[in-house]
C-alpha atoms as a PDB file:
ATOM      1  CA  MET A   1     120.173  65.019  99.376  1.00  0.00           C
ATOM      2  CA  SER A   2     121.313  62.708  96.617  1.00  0.00           C
ATOM      3  CA  PHE A   3     123.892  64.136  94.220  1.00  0.00           C
ATOM      4  CA  GLU A   4     121.588  63.270  91.291  1.00  0.00           C
ATOM      5  CA  ASN A   5     119.166  65.925  92.572  1.00  0.00           C
ATOM      6  CA  LEU A   6     121.769  68.707  92.634  1.00  0.00           C
ATOM      7  CA  GLU A   7     121.393  71.132  89.725  1.00  0.00           C
ATOM      8  CA  VAL A   8     125.171  71.601  89.579  1.00  0.00           C
ATOM      9  CA  TRP A   9     125.653  67.850  89.129  1.00  0.00           C
ATOM     10  CA  LYS A  10     122.968  67.706  86.410  1.00  0.00           C
ATOM     11  CA  LYS A  11     124.441  70.697  84.565  1.00  0.00           C
ATOM     12  CA  SER A  12     128.027  69.416  84.767  1.00  0.00           C
ATOM     13  CA  SER A  13     126.979  65.897  83.703  1.00  0.00           C
ATOM     14  CA  ARG A  14     125.217  67.285  80.628  1.00  0.00           C
ATOM     15  CA  LEU A  15     128.279  69.370  79.751  1.00  0.00           C
ATOM     16  CA  SER A  16     130.565  66.358  80.157  1.00  0.00           C
ATOM     17  CA  ALA A  17     128.395  64.215  77.883  1.00  0.00           C
ATOM     18  CA  GLU A  18     128.314  67.001  75.302  1.00  0.00           C
ATOM     19  CA  LEU A  19     132.112  67.250  75.336  1.00  0.00           C
ATOM     20  CA  TYR A  20     132.351  63.534  74.576  1.00  0.00           C
ATOM     21  CA  ARG A  21     129.768  63.750  71.773  1.00  0.00           C
ATOM     22  CA  GLU A  22     131.196  66.852  70.113  1.00  0.00           C
ATOM     23  CA  LEU A  23     134.863  65.847  70.320  1.00  0.00           C
ATOM     24  CA  LYS A  24     134.577  62.130  69.497  1.00  0.00           C
ATOM     25  CA  GLU A  25     136.038  62.646  66.000  1.00  0.00           C
ATOM     26  CA  LEU A  26     138.954  64.845  67.133  1.00  0.00           C
ATOM     27  CA  LYS A  27     142.199  63.232  66.002  1.00  0.00           C
ATOM     28  CA  ASP A  28     144.374  64.908  68.663  1.00  0.00           C
ATOM     29  CA  TYR A  29     143.801  62.099  71.136  1.00  0.00           C
ATOM     30  CA  GLY A  30     145.897  63.697  73.876  1.00  0.00           C
ATOM     31  CA  PHE A  31     143.871  66.895  73.818  1.00  0.00           C
ATOM     32  CA  ARG A  32     140.572  65.039  73.477  1.00  0.00           C
ATOM     33  CA  ASP A  33     141.449  62.789  76.430  1.00  0.00           C
ATOM     34  CA  GLN A  34     142.526  65.707  78.614  1.00  0.00           C
ATOM     35  CA  ILE A  35     139.479  67.902  77.982  1.00  0.00           C
ATOM     36  CA  THR A  36     136.976  65.062  78.358  1.00  0.00           C
ATOM     37  CA  ARG A  37     138.660  63.896  81.577  1.00  0.00           C
ATOM     38  CA  ALA A  38     138.505  67.435  83.000  1.00  0.00           C
ATOM     39  CA  GLY A  39     134.823  67.648  82.103  1.00  0.00           C
ATOM     40  CA  LEU A  40     134.122  64.213  83.572  1.00  0.00           C
ATOM     41  CA  SER A  41     135.970  65.087  86.762  1.00  0.00           C
ATOM     42  CA  ILE A  42     133.497  67.820  87.704  1.00  0.00           C
ATOM     43  CA  PRO A  43     130.327  65.724  88.200  1.00  0.00           C
ATOM     44  CA  SER A  44     132.418  62.786  89.426  1.00  0.00           C
ATOM     45  CA  ASN A  45     133.919  64.835  92.255  1.00  0.00           C
ATOM     46  CA  ILE A  46     130.500  66.239  93.156  1.00  0.00           C
ATOM     47  CA  ALA A  47     129.173  62.685  93.396  1.00  0.00           C
ATOM     48  CA  GLU A  48     132.174  61.455  95.365  1.00  0.00           C
ATOM     49  CA  GLY A  49     131.932  64.340  97.799  1.00  0.00           C
ATOM     50  CA  SER A  50     128.265  63.665  98.450  1.00  0.00           C
ATOM     51  CA  GLY A  51     129.165  60.128  99.470  1.00  0.00           C
ATOM     52  CA  ARG A  52     131.708  61.228 102.053  1.00  0.00           C
ATOM     53  CA  ALA A  53     130.982  60.922 105.744  1.00  0.00           C
ATOM     54  CA  THR A  54     131.948  64.437 106.809  1.00  0.00           C
ATOM     55  CA  VAL A  55     131.000  67.909 105.647  1.00  0.00           C
ATOM     56  CA  LYS A  56     134.716  68.755 105.448  1.00  0.00           C
ATOM     57  CA  ASP A  57     135.393  65.847 103.080  1.00  0.00           C
ATOM     58  CA  CYS A  58     132.395  66.823 100.964  1.00  0.00           C
ATOM     59  CA  SER A  59     133.658  70.406 100.801  1.00  0.00           C
ATOM     60  CA  ASN A  60     137.098  69.196  99.710  1.00  0.00           C
ATOM     61  CA  PHE A  61     135.654  67.211  96.798  1.00  0.00           C
ATOM     62  CA  LEU A  62     133.525  70.167  95.746  1.00  0.00           C
ATOM     63  CA  SER A  63     136.758  72.189  95.697  1.00  0.00           C
ATOM     64  CA  TYR A  64     138.353  69.536  93.466  1.00  0.00           C
ATOM     65  CA  ALA A  65     135.359  69.842  91.128  1.00  0.00           C
ATOM     66  CA  LYS A  66     135.836  73.620  91.077  1.00  0.00           C
ATOM     67  CA  GLY A  67     139.504  73.136  90.182  1.00  0.00           C
ATOM     68  CA  SER A  68     138.540  70.812  87.343  1.00  0.00           C
ATOM     69  CA  CYS A  69     136.150  73.489  86.128  1.00  0.00           C
ATOM     70  CA  GLY A  70     139.064  75.907  85.803  1.00  0.00           C
ATOM     71  CA  GLU A  71     141.085  73.250  84.013  1.00  0.00           C
ATOM     72  CA  LEU A  72     138.207  72.659  81.600  1.00  0.00           C
ATOM     73  CA  LYS A  73     137.870  76.380  80.863  1.00  0.00           C
ATOM     74  CA  THR A  74     141.587  76.583  80.046  1.00  0.00           C
ATOM     75  CA  GLN A  75     141.318  73.647  77.671  1.00  0.00           C
ATOM     76  CA  ILE A  76     138.254  75.131  75.974  1.00  0.00           C
ATOM     77  CA  HIS A  77     140.144  78.404  75.403  1.00  0.00           C
ATOM     78  CA  ILE A  78     143.091  76.487  73.953  1.00  0.00           C
ATOM     79  CA  GLY A  79     140.783  74.307  71.842  1.00  0.00           C
ATOM     80  CA  ILE A  80     139.164  77.396  70.352  1.00  0.00           C
ATOM     81  CA  GLU A  81     142.525  78.988  69.552  1.00  0.00           C
ATOM     82  CA  ALA A  82     143.877  75.728  68.078  1.00  0.00           C
ATOM     83  CA  GLY A  83     140.825  75.395  65.836  1.00  0.00           C
ATOM     84  CA  TYR A  84     139.613  72.208  67.529  1.00  0.00           C
ATOM     85  CA  ILE A  85     136.469  73.816  68.936  1.00  0.00           C
ATOM     86  CA  ASN A  86     134.074  76.057  67.034  1.00  0.00           C
ATOM     87  CA  ARG A  87     134.197  79.501  68.668  1.00  0.00           C
ATOM     88  CA  VAL A  88     130.407  79.767  69.159  1.00  0.00           C
ATOM     89  CA  LEU A  89     130.233  76.329  70.768  1.00  0.00           C
ATOM     90  CA  GLY A  90     133.322  77.045  72.835  1.00  0.00           C
ATOM     91  CA  GLU A  91     131.885  80.316  74.121  1.00  0.00           C
ATOM     92  CA  ARG A  92     128.703  78.488  75.157  1.00  0.00           C
ATOM     93  CA  TRP A  93     130.780  75.855  76.974  1.00  0.00           C
ATOM     94  CA  LEU A  94     132.734  78.604  78.724  1.00  0.00           C
ATOM     95  CA  SER A  95     129.479  80.203  79.835  1.00  0.00           C
ATOM     96  CA  GLU A  96     128.217  76.866  81.162  1.00  0.00           C
ATOM     97  CA  ALA A  97     131.516  76.269  82.953  1.00  0.00           C
ATOM     98  CA  ASP A  98     131.238  79.735  84.553  1.00  0.00           C
ATOM     99  CA  ALA A  99     127.726  78.927  85.769  1.00  0.00           C
ATOM    100  CA  ILE A 100     128.897  75.579  87.171  1.00  0.00           C
ATOM    101  CA  ASN A 101     131.840  77.298  88.845  1.00  0.00           C
ATOM    102  CA  SER A 102     129.508  79.812  90.513  1.00  0.00           C
ATOM    103  CA  MET A 103     127.151  77.067  91.660  1.00  0.00           C
ATOM    104  CA  LEU A 104     130.075  75.134  93.140  1.00  0.00           C
ATOM    105  CA  ALA A 105     131.361  78.246  94.914  1.00  0.00           C
ATOM    106  CA  GLY A 106     127.941  78.707  96.546  1.00  0.00           C
ATOM    107  CA  LEU A 107     127.769  75.064  97.580  1.00  0.00           C
ATOM    108  CA  ILE A 108     131.282  75.221  99.031  1.00  0.00           C
ATOM    109  CA  ARG A 109     130.391  78.365 101.017  1.00  0.00           C
ATOM    110  CA  ALA A 110     127.310  76.615 102.407  1.00  0.00           C
ATOM    111  CA  LYS A 111     129.322  73.536 103.398  1.00  0.00           C
ATOM    112  CA  ARG A 112     132.048  75.642 105.019  1.00  0.00           C
ATOM    113  CA  SER A 113     129.410  77.562 106.986  1.00  0.00           C
ATOM    114  CA  LYS A 114     128.223  74.234 108.367  1.00  0.00           C
ATOM    115  CA  ILE A 115     131.787  73.351 109.350  1.00  0.00           C
ATOM    116  CA  LYS A 116     132.199  76.684 111.171  1.00  0.00           C
ATOM    117  CA  ALA A 117     128.857  76.226 112.953  1.00  0.00           C
ATOM    118  CA  VAL A 118     129.879  72.754 114.160  1.00  0.00           C
ATOM    119  CA  ASN A 119     133.260  74.011 115.395  1.00  0.00           C
ATOM    120  CA  ARG A 120     131.768  76.799 117.525  1.00  0.00           C
END
């Protein structure tokens, strides 16, 4: 299956684009760069993993995407507290990040089950 057909890729790509749109005027360039890079890393790692030759490599890149999801959530929390991100918008982003995280966890479990089945 192509990564473009994965709901988790679609959802994370939309979130990444929204981060760029909503934060484009933020003057704290370091924060803006960090949060947008974390958001961009999620769909990018999903795509990169889908292009890998082995299930193990794919699983590893999905794990990287999951890690970036945690990084993004941390930055959203900090952005809310620093006044960079409207609380309502930030809470919605956190909810989306939680959904993406859960979807990634399920995909990783499925990939790891394939690895175990091959190794038996």
